[in-house]
């Protein structure tokens, strides 16, 4: 489902360039639930953004379901993300002026398909245990409920892949476990590929496979 080859990312730091990722190669299979772990500053969130088509690498290729995503134009890539990828952020990235169901429908608006589906949004919120929260403004929901709305938004376009960047980082232990259990439920029942960045090994060990970015970086240097 995902194949990344020799991913390198450098950013300008004054007159020099700082290497964030160097020659990272990995594969993630369809319907896998994979966690990417590593020490703080190791580049795991940057890698996730590159895999999700948000942050272009300095060098290397990313294939998603056989499509070289960085060979696409910006418009084509935006459309590809909307149709194939759902993203869940640590800080939720919800729109406070909108209700739960309106936030879920945002990707439908961006798709410019002429209409949105109230029923599909309601069905997803119900699936995640939020059927009674549809008309409530985001600011009145708890942190755990907001993260579930963010997951619902990621699911609305029936994506092949969900990328989750520290989705439990702002939550307490009980809500963290709830979010991970929901992601596993989605993987199991919808066969969605899930890629999770986390610094918490107790969460990472619940996933099917742990990718250690520090090991990948060392392996690239050994080569």
Protein backbone atom coordinates (compact mmCIF):
# COMPACT_ATOMS: atom_id res chain seq x y z
CA UNK A 1 0.00 0.00 0.00
CA UNK A 2 2.84 2.42 0.88
CA UNK A 3 6.39 2.20 -0.44
CA UNK A 4 8.93 4.88 0.45
CA UNK A 5 12.36 4.73 -1.14
CA UNK A 6 15.42 6.70 0.02
CA UNK A 7 13.45 9.53 1.59
CA UNK A 8 15.63 12.50 2.51
CA UNK A 9 14.43 15.78 3.96
CA UNK A 10 16.63 18.84 4.47
CA UNK A 11 15.61 22.28 5.69
CA UNK A 12 17.53 25.54 5.46
CA UNK A 13 19.01 26.68 8.76
CA UNK A 14 20.64 30.06 8.18
CA UNK A 15 23.29 29.55 5.54
CA UNK A 16 23.37 25.77 6.03
CA UNK A 17 21.01 22.88 5.51
CA UNK A 18 19.84 20.67 8.37
CA UNK A 19 19.12 17.02 7.57
CA UNK A 20 15.88 15.85 9.20
CA UNK A 21 15.63 12.50 7.39
CA UNK A 22 18.34 10.70 5.48
CA UNK A 23 17.78 7.85 3.02
CA UNK A 24 14.75 6.31 4.78
CA UNK A 25 13.23 3.27 3.03
CA UNK A 26 10.17 1.36 4.24
CA UNK A 27 7.07 -0.54 3.14
CA UNK A 28 3.63 -0.73 4.73
CA UNK A 29 1.15 -3.34 3.58
CA UNK A 30 -2.57 -3.04 2.97
CA UNK A 31 -4.72 -3.18 6.13
CA UNK A 32 -1.71 -3.03 8.44
CA UNK A 33 -1.78 -0.98 11.64
CA UNK A 34 1.77 0.33 11.91
CA UNK A 35 3.35 2.67 14.44
CA UNK A 36 6.37 4.86 13.75
CA UNK A 37 8.45 5.47 16.86
CA UNK A 38 11.66 7.27 17.71
CA UNK A 39 13.20 9.71 20.10
CA UNK A 40 12.18 13.36 20.15
CA UNK A 41 13.53 15.18 17.12
CA UNK A 42 14.12 12.00 15.13
CA UNK A 43 11.87 13.16 12.28
CA UNK A 44 8.96 10.77 12.75
CA UNK A 45 6.28 13.45 12.29
CA UNK A 46 8.15 14.78 9.26
CA UNK A 47 8.21 11.26 7.80
CA UNK A 48 4.47 10.91 8.40
CA UNK A 49 3.81 14.22 6.62
CA UNK A 50 5.89 13.06 3.65
CA UNK A 51 4.10 9.71 3.48
CA UNK A 52 0.75 11.52 3.65
CA UNK A 53 1.59 13.86 0.76
CA UNK A 54 1.73 17.00 2.91
CA UNK A 55 5.46 17.76 2.98
CA UNK A 56 7.51 17.09 -0.15
CA UNK A 57 10.82 15.28 0.43
CA UNK A 58 14.11 16.77 -0.70
CA UNK A 59 14.86 13.44 -2.39
CA UNK A 60 13.24 10.03 -2.69
CA UNK A 61 9.89 8.66 -3.82
CA UNK A 62 6.61 7.72 -2.14
CA UNK A 63 4.25 5.27 -3.85
CA UNK A 64 0.72 4.87 -2.50
CA UNK A 65 -1.19 2.01 -4.07
CA UNK A 66 1.23 2.23 -7.00
CA UNK A 67 0.90 6.00 -7.51
CA UNK A 68 4.06 8.12 -7.29
CA UNK A 69 2.40 10.91 -5.31
CA UNK A 70 5.17 13.49 -5.73
CA UNK A 71 5.06 13.17 -9.51
CA UNK A 72 1.53 14.64 -9.36
CA UNK A 73 0.76 18.33 -9.74
CA UNK A 74 -0.32 20.18 -6.58
CA UNK A 75 -3.95 20.03 -7.69
CA UNK A 76 -3.72 16.32 -8.52
CA UNK A 77 -2.03 15.60 -5.19
CA UNK A 78 -4.72 17.52 -3.27
CA UNK A 79 -7.41 15.50 -5.04
CA UNK A 80 -5.52 12.26 -4.41
CA UNK A 81 -5.25 13.03 -0.68
CA UNK A 82 -8.92 13.90 -0.44
CA UNK A 83 -9.97 10.65 -2.11
CA UNK A 84 -7.47 8.24 -0.56
CA UNK A 85 -6.04 9.63 2.68
CA UNK A 86 -7.45 10.61 6.06
CA UNK A 87 -5.31 12.52 8.57
CA UNK A 88 -5.71 12.76 12.34
CA UNK A 89 -3.67 15.39 14.19
CA UNK A 90 -2.59 15.62 17.82
CA UNK A 91 -4.23 19.05 18.20
CA UNK A 92 -7.40 17.88 16.40
CA UNK A 93 -7.34 20.80 13.86
CA UNK A 94 -11.10 21.17 14.09
CA UNK A 95 -13.02 24.36 13.31
CA UNK A 96 -14.36 25.76 16.57
CA UNK A 97 -17.21 27.71 14.95
CA UNK A 98 -18.67 24.53 13.42
CA UNK A 99 -20.63 21.70 14.97
CA UNK A 100 -19.33 18.14 15.15
CA UNK A 101 -21.19 17.04 12.02
CA UNK A 102 -20.12 20.15 10.09
CA UNK A 103 -16.47 19.45 10.92
CA UNK A 104 -16.87 15.89 9.67
CA UNK A 105 -18.28 17.19 6.39
CA UNK A 106 -15.34 19.53 5.63
CA UNK A 107 -13.56 17.03 3.31
CA UNK A 108 -16.80 16.67 1.36
CA UNK A 109 -16.89 20.42 0.78
CA UNK A 110 -13.23 20.38 -0.31
CA UNK A 111 -13.97 17.57 -2.78
CA UNK A 112 -16.26 19.99 -4.66
CA UNK A 113 -18.63 17.23 -5.62
CA UNK A 114 -21.65 19.49 -5.45
CA UNK A 115 -23.21 18.11 -2.28
CA UNK A 116 -22.48 16.78 1.15
CA UNK A 117 -24.13 13.81 2.84
CA UNK A 118 -25.65 14.44 6.26
CA UNK A 119 -26.49 10.77 6.58
CA UNK A 120 -22.99 9.48 5.93
CA UNK A 121 -21.56 11.94 8.47
CA UNK A 122 -24.21 10.93 11.01
CA UNK A 123 -23.47 7.26 10.40
CA UNK A 124 -19.75 7.73 11.04
CA UNK A 125 -20.36 9.75 14.21
CA UNK A 126 -22.72 7.01 15.40
CA UNK A 127 -20.08 4.38 14.58
CA UNK A 128 -17.68 6.26 16.86
CA UNK A 129 -20.23 6.66 19.65
CA UNK A 130 -21.05 10.32 19.01
CA UNK A 131 -24.59 10.07 17.64
CA UNK A 132 -25.86 12.49 20.31
CA UNK A 133 -23.13 15.08 19.62
CA UNK A 134 -23.84 15.90 15.96
CA UNK A 135 -25.23 19.40 16.49
CA UNK A 136 -22.90 20.44 19.31
CA UNK A 137 -20.18 23.05 18.73
CA UNK A 138 -16.64 21.67 18.99
CA UNK A 139 -15.70 23.86 21.96
CA UNK A 140 -18.34 22.18 24.10
CA UNK A 141 -16.94 18.68 23.55
CA UNK A 142 -14.31 16.98 25.70
CA UNK A 143 -10.82 16.32 24.36
CA UNK A 144 -11.61 12.66 23.75
CA UNK A 145 -14.83 13.55 21.94
CA UNK A 146 -13.02 16.11 19.78
CA UNK A 147 -10.44 13.50 18.78
CA UNK A 148 -13.24 11.11 17.81
CA UNK A 149 -14.75 13.87 15.65
CA UNK A 150 -11.31 14.27 14.04
CA UNK A 151 -11.25 10.53 13.32
CA UNK A 152 -14.77 10.75 11.86
CA UNK A 153 -13.60 13.58 9.60
CA UNK A 154 -10.68 11.41 8.46
CA UNK A 155 -13.11 8.58 7.63
CA UNK A 156 -15.79 10.54 5.74
CA UNK A 157 -14.26 9.97 2.28
CA UNK A 158 -13.69 6.23 2.88
CA UNK A 159 -9.88 6.57 2.70
CA UNK A 160 -7.54 3.69 1.97
CA UNK A 161 -5.11 5.01 4.60
CA UNK A 162 -5.38 6.94 7.85
CA UNK A 163 -2.28 8.78 9.05
CA UNK A 164 -2.41 9.70 12.74
CA UNK A 165 0.22 12.03 14.21
CA UNK A 166 0.39 11.57 18.01
CA UNK A 167 -3.43 11.30 18.20
CA UNK A 168 -3.30 10.55 21.93
CA UNK A 169 -0.70 13.16 22.84
CA UNK A 170 -3.27 15.60 24.27
CA UNK A 171 -5.39 12.99 26.02
CA UNK A 172 -5.42 11.23 29.39
CA UNK A 173 -4.74 7.49 29.68
CA UNK A 174 -8.39 6.40 29.47
CA UNK A 175 -9.14 8.48 26.37
CA UNK A 176 -5.82 7.47 24.79
CA UNK A 177 -6.74 3.80 25.05
CA UNK A 178 -10.22 4.55 23.70
CA UNK A 179 -8.77 6.25 20.62
CA UNK A 180 -6.35 3.37 19.95
CA UNK A 181 -9.17 0.85 20.37
CA UNK A 182 -11.27 2.83 17.88
CA UNK A 183 -8.43 2.85 15.37
CA UNK A 184 -8.01 -0.90 15.75
CA UNK A 185 -11.75 -1.33 15.25
CA UNK A 186 -11.56 0.70 12.04
CA UNK A 187 -8.62 -1.37 10.82
CA UNK A 188 -10.39 -4.63 11.62
CA UNK A 189 -13.88 -3.79 10.34
CA UNK A 190 -13.13 -1.44 7.44
CA UNK A 191 -9.71 -2.89 6.41
CA UNK A 192 -8.15 0.57 6.49
CA UNK A 193 -4.36 0.87 6.55
CA UNK A 194 -3.36 2.92 9.60
CA UNK A 195 0.00 4.61 10.18
CA UNK A 196 0.44 6.05 13.67
CA UNK A 197 3.24 8.24 15.02
CA UNK A 198 3.71 7.94 18.77
CA UNK A 199 6.42 8.37 21.38
CA UNK A 200 4.55 6.02 23.74
CA UNK A 201 5.83 2.44 23.40
CA UNK A 202 2.87 1.07 25.39
CA UNK A 203 0.64 2.35 22.57
CA UNK A 204 3.02 1.33 19.79
CA UNK A 205 3.11 -2.25 21.03
CA UNK A 206 -0.67 -2.53 20.51
CA UNK A 207 -0.19 -2.04 16.76
CA UNK A 208 0.67 -4.82 14.30
CA UNK A 209 4.21 -3.61 13.70
CA UNK A 210 6.56 -0.99 15.11
CA UNK A 211 8.85 0.93 12.74
CA UNK A 212 11.79 2.39 14.66
CA UNK A 213 12.91 5.50 12.76
CA UNK A 214 16.19 5.56 14.66
CA UNK A 215 16.92 2.02 13.43
CA UNK A 216 16.04 2.99 9.84
CA UNK A 217 18.38 5.99 10.03
CA UNK A 218 21.22 3.83 11.39
CA UNK A 219 20.56 1.19 8.74
CA UNK A 220 20.83 3.80 5.97
CA UNK A 221 24.20 4.92 7.35
CA UNK A 222 25.45 1.32 7.52
CA UNK A 223 24.56 0.85 3.86
